[in-house]
Amino acid sequence: MESQMSEPTRAKDVVRALLDRLPDDCQLEQVIEEILLLAGPWCEPASLPALTEAQRAALADSIQHHRQNPELRRPWREALEKIRQRQ
């Protein structure tokens, strides 16, 4: 019975955290899109392909850079928009 209680609590915590990081003036569609991204099948570890050693190294380097340079962080939507503008 305890596992049934922990899953909804965890889900609420995840949604609260999501809402906390979204801008106050965000649209409902943006909130829904973000929730759908959280719940997609790509989030299940079993559905993801194994990483190669090169991919693991690149990911580790990226995480290290991210932690060492927090001032360079950008929301993914902002980064995506910047990429679209370059095209």
PDB file of N, CA and C in Angstrom:
ATOM      1  N   MET A   1       0.811  -1.191   0.000  1.00  0.00           N
ATOM      2  CA  MET A   1       0.000   0.000   0.000  1.00  0.00           C
ATOM      3  C   MET A   1       0.864   1.269   0.000  1.00  0.00           C
ATOM      4  N   GLU A   2       2.034   1.202   0.628  1.00  0.00           N
ATOM      5  CA  GLU A   2       2.899   2.364   0.716  1.00  0.00           C
ATOM      6  C   GLU A   2       3.361   2.836  -0.657  1.00  0.00           C
ATOM      7  N   SER A   3       3.665   1.896  -1.577  1.00  0.00           N
ATOM      8  CA  SER A   3       4.110   2.297  -2.908  1.00  0.00           C
ATOM      9  C   SER A   3       3.019   3.035  -3.669  1.00  0.00           C
ATOM     10  N   GLN A   4       1.767   2.703  -3.407  1.00  0.00           N
ATOM     11  CA  GLN A   4       0.685   3.419  -4.059  1.00  0.00           C
ATOM     12  C   GLN A   4       0.599   4.857  -3.555  1.00  0.00           C
ATOM     13  N   MET A   5       0.983   5.096  -2.321  1.00  0.00           N
ATOM     14  CA  MET A   5       0.943   6.436  -1.761  1.00  0.00           C
ATOM     15  C   MET A   5       2.131   7.273  -2.232  1.00  0.00           C
ATOM     16  N   SER A   6       3.283   6.637  -2.417  1.00  0.00           N
ATOM     17  CA  SER A   6       4.472   7.401  -2.755  1.00  0.00           C
ATOM     18  C   SER A   6       4.443   7.907  -4.197  1.00  0.00           C
ATOM     19  N   GLU A   7       3.857   7.168  -5.107  1.00  0.00           N
ATOM     20  CA  GLU A   7       3.845   7.592  -6.509  1.00  0.00           C
ATOM     21  C   GLU A   7       3.065   8.890  -6.722  1.00  0.00           C
ATOM     22  N   PRO A   8       1.828   9.020  -6.191  1.00  0.00           N
ATOM     23  CA  PRO A   8       1.136  10.310  -6.363  1.00  0.00           C
ATOM     24  C   PRO A   8       1.878  11.460  -5.690  1.00  0.00           C
ATOM     25  N   THR A   9       2.444  11.217  -4.520  1.00  0.00           N
ATOM     26  CA  THR A   9       3.193  12.263  -3.835  1.00  0.00           C
ATOM     27  C   THR A   9       4.374  12.678  -4.683  1.00  0.00           C
ATOM     28  N   ARG A  10       5.101  11.717  -5.233  1.00  0.00           N
ATOM     29  CA  ARG A  10       6.238  12.014  -6.090  1.00  0.00           C
ATOM     30  C   ARG A  10       5.772  12.801  -7.308  1.00  0.00           C
ATOM     31  N   ALA A  11       4.682  12.401  -7.909  1.00  0.00           N
ATOM     32  CA  ALA A  11       4.165  13.099  -9.090  1.00  0.00           C
ATOM     33  C   ALA A  11       3.818  14.546  -8.748  1.00  0.00           C
ATOM     34  N   LYS A  12       3.206  14.761  -7.608  1.00  0.00           N
ATOM     35  CA  LYS A  12       2.867  16.128  -7.201  1.00  0.00           C
ATOM     36  C   LYS A  12       4.133  16.947  -6.985  1.00  0.00           C
ATOM     37  N   ASP A  13       5.137  16.335  -6.376  1.00  0.00           N
ATOM     38  CA  ASP A  13       6.396  17.049  -6.145  1.00  0.00           C
ATOM     39  C   ASP A  13       7.055  17.434  -7.466  1.00  0.00           C
ATOM     40  N   VAL A  14       7.007  16.536  -8.442  1.00  0.00           N
ATOM     41  CA  VAL A  14       7.598  16.805  -9.750  1.00  0.00           C
ATOM     42  C   VAL A  14       6.851  17.950 -10.438  1.00  0.00           C
ATOM     43  N   VAL A  15       5.531  17.930 -10.375  1.00  0.00           N
ATOM     44  CA  VAL A  15       4.737  18.992 -11.003  1.00  0.00           C
ATOM     45  C   VAL A  15       4.959  20.316 -10.287  1.00  0.00           C
ATOM     46  N   ARG A  16       5.034  20.300  -8.960  1.00  0.00           N
ATOM     47  CA  ARG A  16       5.314  21.539  -8.225  1.00  0.00           C
ATOM     48  C   ARG A  16       6.656  22.131  -8.637  1.00  0.00           C
ATOM     49  N   ALA A  17       7.665  21.267  -8.732  1.00  0.00           N
ATOM     50  CA  ALA A  17       8.992  21.734  -9.137  1.00  0.00           C
ATOM     51  C   ALA A  17       8.955  22.300 -10.552  1.00  0.00           C
ATOM     52  N   LEU A  18       8.203  21.645 -11.424  1.00  0.00           N
ATOM     53  CA  LEU A  18       8.050  22.130 -12.796  1.00  0.00           C
ATOM     54  C   LEU A  18       7.410  23.519 -12.800  1.00  0.00           C
ATOM     55  N   LEU A  19       6.346  23.682 -12.046  1.00  0.00           N
ATOM     56  CA  LEU A  19       5.671  24.976 -11.991  1.00  0.00           C
ATOM     57  C   LEU A  19       6.563  26.058 -11.396  1.00  0.00           C
ATOM     58  N   ASP A  20       7.382  25.679 -10.427  1.00  0.00           N
ATOM     59  CA  ASP A  20       8.284  26.652  -9.818  1.00  0.00           C
ATOM     60  C   ASP A  20       9.322  27.174 -10.794  1.00  0.00           C
ATOM     61  N   ARG A  21       9.730  26.356 -11.749  1.00  0.00           N
ATOM     62  CA  ARG A  21      10.776  26.811 -12.671  1.00  0.00           C
ATOM     63  C   ARG A  21      10.219  27.471 -13.936  1.00  0.00           C
ATOM     64  N   LEU A  22       8.928  27.367 -14.164  1.00  0.00           N
ATOM     65  CA  LEU A  22       8.322  28.052 -15.307  1.00  0.00           C
ATOM     66  C   LEU A  22       8.066  29.515 -14.950  1.00  0.00           C
ATOM     67  N   PRO A  23       8.102  30.398 -15.940  1.00  0.00           N
ATOM     68  CA  PRO A  23       7.825  31.813 -15.639  1.00  0.00           C
ATOM     69  C   PRO A  23       6.390  32.003 -15.166  1.00  0.00           C
ATOM     70  N   ASP A  24       6.180  33.008 -14.329  1.00  0.00           N
ATOM     71  CA  ASP A  24       4.845  33.263 -13.784  1.00  0.00           C
ATOM     72  C   ASP A  24       3.819  33.575 -14.867  1.00  0.00           C
ATOM     73  N   ASP A  25       4.264  34.123 -15.984  1.00  0.00           N
ATOM     74  CA  ASP A  25       3.334  34.496 -17.051  1.00  0.00           C
ATOM     75  C   ASP A  25       3.213  33.424 -18.137  1.00  0.00           C
ATOM     76  N   CYS A  26       3.594  32.187 -17.818  1.00  0.00           N
ATOM     77  CA  CYS A  26       3.521  31.122 -18.837  1.00  0.00           C
ATOM     78  C   CYS A  26       2.065  30.790 -19.161  1.00  0.00           C
ATOM     79  N   GLN A  27       1.876  30.248 -20.331  1.00  0.00           N
ATOM     80  CA  GLN A  27       0.550  29.864 -20.799  1.00  0.00           C
ATOM     81  C   GLN A  27       0.241  28.428 -20.378  1.00  0.00           C
ATOM     82  N   LEU A  28      -1.024  28.093 -20.277  1.00  0.00           N
ATOM     83  CA  LEU A  28      -1.447  26.747 -19.903  1.00  0.00           C
ATOM     84  C   LEU A  28      -0.886  25.710 -20.872  1.00  0.00           C
ATOM     85  N   GLU A  29      -0.836  26.043 -22.148  1.00  0.00           N
ATOM     86  CA  GLU A  29      -0.306  25.108 -23.145  1.00  0.00           C
ATOM     87  C   GLU A  29       1.149  24.752 -22.847  1.00  0.00           C
ATOM     88  N   GLN A  30       1.911  25.724 -22.379  1.00  0.00           N
ATOM     89  CA  GLN A  30       3.313  25.475 -22.037  1.00  0.00           C
ATOM     90  C   GLN A  30       3.413  24.519 -20.843  1.00  0.00           C
ATOM     91  N   VAL A  31       2.556  24.716 -19.850  1.00  0.00           N
ATOM     92  CA  VAL A  31       2.554  23.834 -18.683  1.00  0.00           C
ATOM     93  C   VAL A  31       2.208  22.406 -19.114  1.00  0.00           C
ATOM     94  N   ILE A  32       1.195  22.271 -19.944  1.00  0.00           N
ATOM     95  CA  ILE A  32       0.779  20.950 -20.417  1.00  0.00           C
ATOM     96  C   ILE A  32       1.890  20.292 -21.217  1.00  0.00           C
ATOM     97  N   GLU A  33       2.530  21.050 -22.090  1.00  0.00           N
ATOM     98  CA  GLU A  33       3.626  20.509 -22.892  1.00  0.00           C
ATOM     99  C   GLU A  33       4.766  20.015 -22.005  1.00  0.00           C
ATOM    100  N   GLU A  34       5.097  20.788 -20.983  1.00  0.00           N
ATOM    101  CA  GLU A  34       6.170  20.394 -20.069  1.00  0.00           C
ATOM    102  C   GLU A  34       5.800  19.131 -19.301  1.00  0.00           C
ATOM    103  N   ILE A  35       4.564  19.023 -18.880  1.00  0.00           N
ATOM    104  CA  ILE A  35       4.113  17.815 -18.175  1.00  0.00           C
ATOM    105  C   ILE A  35       4.166  16.611 -19.104  1.00  0.00           C
ATOM    106  N   LEU A  36       3.749  16.778 -20.347  1.00  0.00           N
ATOM    107  CA  LEU A  36       3.811  15.679 -21.305  1.00  0.00           C
ATOM    108  C   LEU A  36       5.245  15.241 -21.551  1.00  0.00           C
ATOM    109  N   LEU A  37       6.170  16.185 -21.580  1.00  0.00           N
ATOM    110  CA  LEU A  37       7.581  15.832 -21.739  1.00  0.00           C
ATOM    111  C   LEU A  37       8.082  15.018 -20.554  1.00  0.00           C
ATOM    112  N   LEU A  38       7.593  15.331 -19.357  1.00  0.00           N
ATOM    113  CA  LEU A  38       7.982  14.579 -18.167  1.00  0.00           C
ATOM    114  C   LEU A  38       7.443  13.159 -18.193  1.00  0.00           C
ATOM    115  N   ALA A  39       6.281  12.972 -18.809  1.00  0.00           N
ATOM    116  CA  ALA A  39       5.602  11.686 -18.758  1.00  0.00           C
ATOM    117  C   ALA A  39       5.821  10.821 -19.987  1.00  0.00           C
ATOM    118  N   GLY A  40       6.631  11.271 -20.928  1.00  0.00           N
ATOM    119  CA  GLY A  40       6.825  10.527 -22.167  1.00  0.00           C
ATOM    120  C   GLY A  40       7.551   9.205 -21.971  1.00  0.00           C
ATOM    121  N   PRO A  41       7.376   8.284 -22.908  1.00  0.00           N
ATOM    122  CA  PRO A  41       8.031   6.970 -22.803  1.00  0.00           C
ATOM    123  C   PRO A  41       9.544   7.077 -22.861  1.00  0.00           C
ATOM    124  N   TRP A  42      10.077   8.186 -23.404  1.00  0.00           N
ATOM    125  CA  TRP A  42      11.519   8.379 -23.476  1.00  0.00           C
ATOM    126  C   TRP A  42      12.121   8.567 -22.089  1.00  0.00           C
ATOM    127  N   CYS A  43      11.287   8.761 -21.079  1.00  0.00           N
ATOM    128  CA  CYS A  43      11.791   8.933 -19.715  1.00  0.00           C
ATOM    129  C   CYS A  43      12.025   7.599 -19.015  1.00  0.00           C
ATOM    130  N   GLU A  44      11.562   6.536 -19.600  1.00  0.00           N
ATOM    131  CA  GLU A  44      11.756   5.209 -19.017  1.00  0.00           C
ATOM    132  C   GLU A  44      13.134   4.691 -19.383  1.00  0.00           C
ATOM    133  N   PRO A  45      13.975   4.380 -18.398  1.00  0.00           N
ATOM    134  CA  PRO A  45      15.337   3.910 -18.690  1.00  0.00           C
ATOM    135  C   PRO A  45      15.372   2.699 -19.624  1.00  0.00           C
ATOM    136  N   ALA A  46      14.403   1.808 -19.524  1.00  0.00           N
ATOM    137  CA  ALA A  46      14.392   0.610 -20.366  1.00  0.00           C
ATOM    138  C   ALA A  46      14.165   0.942 -21.835  1.00  0.00           C
ATOM    139  N   SER A  47      13.572   2.105 -22.124  1.00  0.00           N
ATOM    140  CA  SER A  47      13.282   2.459 -23.518  1.00  0.00           C
ATOM    141  C   SER A  47      14.440   3.200 -24.181  1.00  0.00           C
ATOM    142  N   LEU A  48      15.459   3.530 -23.406  1.00  0.00           N
ATOM    143  CA  LEU A  48      16.583   4.284 -23.950  1.00  0.00           C
ATOM    144  C   LEU A  48      17.695   3.348 -24.415  1.00  0.00           C
ATOM    145  N   PRO A  49      18.315   3.652 -25.544  1.00  0.00           N
ATOM    146  CA  PRO A  49      19.448   2.825 -25.980  1.00  0.00           C
ATOM    147  C   PRO A  49      20.657   3.071 -25.071  1.00  0.00           C
ATOM    148  N   ALA A  50      21.521   2.101 -24.986  1.00  0.00           N
ATOM    149  CA  ALA A  50      22.728   2.248 -24.177  1.00  0.00           C
ATOM    150  C   ALA A  50      23.646   3.297 -24.807  1.00  0.00           C
ATOM    151  N   LEU A  51      24.332   4.063 -23.972  1.00  0.00           N
ATOM    152  CA  LEU A  51      25.260   5.071 -24.467  1.00  0.00           C
ATOM    153  C   LEU A  51      26.598   4.425 -24.804  1.00  0.00           C
ATOM    154  N   THR A  52      27.243   4.943 -25.826  1.00  0.00           N
ATOM    155  CA  THR A  52      28.601   4.494 -26.136  1.00  0.00           C
ATOM    156  C   THR A  52      29.555   5.163 -25.153  1.00  0.00           C
ATOM    157  N   GLU A  53      30.782   4.707 -25.103  1.00  0.00           N
ATOM    158  CA  GLU A  53      31.769   5.329 -24.217  1.00  0.00           C
ATOM    159  C   GLU A  53      32.002   6.783 -24.607  1.00  0.00           C
ATOM    160  N   ALA A  54      32.031   7.061 -25.900  1.00  0.00           N
ATOM    161  CA  ALA A  54      32.216   8.442 -26.367  1.00  0.00           C
ATOM    162  C   ALA A  54      31.048   9.320 -25.914  1.00  0.00           C
ATOM    163  N   GLN A  55      29.831   8.793 -25.976  1.00  0.00           N
ATOM    164  CA  GLN A  55      28.663   9.554 -25.540  1.00  0.00           C
ATOM    165  C   GLN A  55      28.699   9.790 -24.034  1.00  0.00           C
ATOM    166  N   ARG A  56      29.114   8.762 -23.288  1.00  0.00           N
ATOM    167  CA  ARG A  56      29.231   8.913 -21.831  1.00  0.00           C
ATOM    168  C   ARG A  56      30.253  10.001 -21.477  1.00  0.00           C
ATOM    169  N   ALA A  57      31.388   9.996 -22.176  1.00  0.00           N
ATOM    170  CA  ALA A  57      32.435  10.986 -21.922  1.00  0.00           C
ATOM    171  C   ALA A  57      31.942  12.389 -22.268  1.00  0.00           C
ATOM    172  N   ALA A  58      31.251  12.522 -23.406  1.00  0.00           N
ATOM    173  CA  ALA A  58      30.724  13.826 -23.815  1.00  0.00           C
ATOM    174  C   ALA A  58      29.680  14.319 -22.819  1.00  0.00           C
ATOM    175  N   LEU A  59      28.838  13.429 -22.342  1.00  0.00           N
ATOM    176  CA  LEU A  59      27.824  13.795 -21.358  1.00  0.00           C
ATOM    177  C   LEU A  59      28.475  14.224 -20.047  1.00  0.00           C
ATOM    178  N   ALA A  60      29.480  13.481 -19.604  1.00  0.00           N
ATOM    179  CA  ALA A  60      30.191  13.839 -18.374  1.00  0.00           C
ATOM    180  C   ALA A  60      30.860  15.207 -18.510  1.00  0.00           C
ATOM    181  N   ASP A  61      31.471  15.463 -19.662  1.00  0.00           N
ATOM    182  CA  ASP A  61      32.095  16.765 -19.906  1.00  0.00           C
ATOM    183  C   ASP A  61      31.058  17.891 -19.881  1.00  0.00           C
ATOM    184  N   SER A  62      29.917  17.637 -20.490  1.00  0.00           N
ATOM    185  CA  SER A  62      28.851  18.633 -20.541  1.00  0.00           C
ATOM    186  C   SER A  62      28.317  18.934 -19.138  1.00  0.00           C
ATOM    187  N   ILE A  63      28.114  17.905 -18.340  1.00  0.00           N
ATOM    188  CA  ILE A  63      27.630  18.094 -16.969  1.00  0.00           C
ATOM    189  C   ILE A  63      28.656  18.873 -16.150  1.00  0.00           C
ATOM    190  N   GLN A  64      29.919  18.519 -16.295  1.00  0.00           N
ATOM    191  CA  GLN A  64      30.978  19.224 -15.569  1.00  0.00           C
ATOM    192  C   GLN A  64      31.017  20.704 -15.971  1.00  0.00           C
ATOM    193  N   HIS A  65      30.940  20.980 -17.267  1.00  0.00           N
ATOM    194  CA  HIS A  65      30.921  22.366 -17.753  1.00  0.00           C
ATOM    195  C   HIS A  65      29.714  23.114 -17.191  1.00  0.00           C
ATOM    196  N   HIS A  66      28.577  22.460 -17.182  1.00  0.00           N
ATOM    197  CA  HIS A  66      27.336  23.051 -16.681  1.00  0.00           C
ATOM    198  C   HIS A  66      27.489  23.426 -15.204  1.00  0.00           C
ATOM    199  N   ARG A  67      28.083  22.533 -14.414  1.00  0.00           N
ATOM    200  CA  ARG A  67      28.256  22.795 -12.983  1.00  0.00           C
ATOM    201  C   ARG A  67      29.290  23.885 -12.722  1.00  0.00           C
ATOM    202  N   GLN A  68      30.307  23.954 -13.557  1.00  0.00           N
ATOM    203  CA  GLN A  68      31.363  24.944 -13.354  1.00  0.00           C
ATOM    204  C   GLN A  68      30.977  26.328 -13.865  1.00  0.00           C
ATOM    205  N   ASN A  69      29.971  26.396 -14.723  1.00  0.00           N
ATOM    206  CA  ASN A  69      29.578  27.671 -15.337  1.00  0.00           C
ATOM    207  C   ASN A  69      28.067  27.901 -15.213  1.00  0.00           C
ATOM    208  N   PRO A  70      27.559  27.998 -14.001  1.00  0.00           N
ATOM    209  CA  PRO A  70      26.101  28.143 -13.842  1.00  0.00           C
ATOM    210  C   PRO A  70      25.545  29.402 -14.484  1.00  0.00           C
ATOM    211  N   GLU A  71      26.383  30.424 -14.642  1.00  0.00           N
ATOM    212  CA  GLU A  71      25.912  31.676 -15.247  1.00  0.00           C
ATOM    213  C   GLU A  71      25.591  31.519 -16.730  1.00  0.00           C
ATOM    214  N   LEU A  72      26.048  30.435 -17.344  1.00  0.00           N
ATOM    215  CA  LEU A  72      25.781  30.194 -18.769  1.00  0.00           C
ATOM    216  C   LEU A  72      24.511  29.382 -19.014  1.00  0.00           C
ATOM    217  N   ARG A  73      23.860  28.961 -17.946  1.00  0.00           N
ATOM    218  CA  ARG A  73      22.655  28.136 -18.090  1.00  0.00           C
ATOM    219  C   ARG A  73      21.556  28.912 -18.793  1.00  0.00           C
ATOM    220  N   ARG A  74      20.822  28.203 -19.647  1.00  0.00           N
ATOM    221  CA  ARG A  74      19.676  28.772 -20.340  1.00  0.00           C
ATOM    222  C   ARG A  74      18.549  27.746 -20.332  1.00  0.00           C
ATOM    223  N   PRO A  75      17.309  28.196 -20.185  1.00  0.00           N
ATOM    224  CA  PRO A  75      16.182  27.259 -20.314  1.00  0.00           C
ATOM    225  C   PRO A  75      16.187  26.638 -21.713  1.00  0.00           C
ATOM    226  N   TRP A  76      15.745  25.402 -21.815  1.00  0.00           N
ATOM    227  CA  TRP A  76      15.824  24.721 -23.108  1.00  0.00           C
ATOM    228  C   TRP A  76      15.007  25.438 -24.166  1.00  0.00           C
ATOM    229  N   ARG A  77      13.913  26.059 -23.787  1.00  0.00           N
ATOM    230  CA  ARG A  77      13.108  26.789 -24.776  1.00  0.00           C
ATOM    231  C   ARG A  77      13.898  27.954 -25.361  1.00  0.00           C
ATOM    232  N   GLU A  78      14.647  28.637 -24.510  1.00  0.00           N
ATOM    233  CA  GLU A  78      15.465  29.759 -24.965  1.00  0.00           C
ATOM    234  C   GLU A  78      16.572  29.270 -25.900  1.00  0.00           C
ATOM    235  N   ALA A  79      17.196  28.163 -25.537  1.00  0.00           N
ATOM    236  CA  ALA A  79      18.251  27.597 -26.392  1.00  0.00           C
ATOM    237  C   ALA A  79      17.675  27.154 -27.735  1.00  0.00           C
ATOM    238  N   LEU A  80      16.514  26.527 -27.711  1.00  0.00           N
ATOM    239  CA  LEU A  80      15.869  26.076 -28.945  1.00  0.00           C
ATOM    240  C   LEU A  80      15.528  27.261 -29.841  1.00  0.00           C
ATOM    241  N   GLU A  81      15.027  28.322 -29.260  1.00  0.00           N
ATOM    242  CA  GLU A  81      14.695  29.527 -30.043  1.00  0.00           C
ATOM    243  C   GLU A  81      15.949  30.119 -30.681  1.00  0.00           C
ATOM    244  N   LYS A  82      17.043  30.117 -29.946  1.00  0.00           N
ATOM    245  CA  LYS A  82      18.304  30.638 -30.475  1.00  0.00           C
ATOM    246  C   LYS A  82      18.774  29.791 -31.661  1.00  0.00           C
ATOM    247  N   ILE A  83      18.628  28.486 -31.560  1.00  0.00           N
ATOM    248  CA  ILE A  83      18.986  27.594 -32.665  1.00  0.00           C
ATOM    249  C   ILE A  83      18.109  27.862 -33.878  1.00  0.00           C
ATOM    250  N   ARG A  84      16.815  28.031 -33.654  1.00  0.00           N
ATOM    251  CA  ARG A  84      15.888  28.300 -34.762  1.00  0.00           C
ATOM    252  C   ARG A  84      16.214  29.610 -35.457  1.00  0.00           C
ATOM    253  N   GLN A  85      16.652  30.599 -34.702  1.00  0.00           N
ATOM    254  CA  GLN A  85      16.989  31.894 -35.295  1.00  0.00           C
ATOM    255  C   GLN A  85      18.223  31.790 -36.192  1.00  0.00           C
ATOM    256  N   ARG A  86      19.100  30.873 -35.904  1.00  0.00           N
ATOM    257  CA  ARG A  86      20.311  30.703 -36.715  1.00  0.00           C
ATOM    258  C   ARG A  86      20.020  30.028 -38.057  1.00  0.00           C
ATOM    259  N   GLN A  87      18.912  29.317 -38.141  1.00  0.00           N
ATOM    260  CA  GLN A  87      18.613  28.564 -39.367  1.00  0.00           C
ATOM    261  C   GLN A  87      18.079  29.422 -40.462  1.00  0.00           C
TER     262      GLN A  87
END
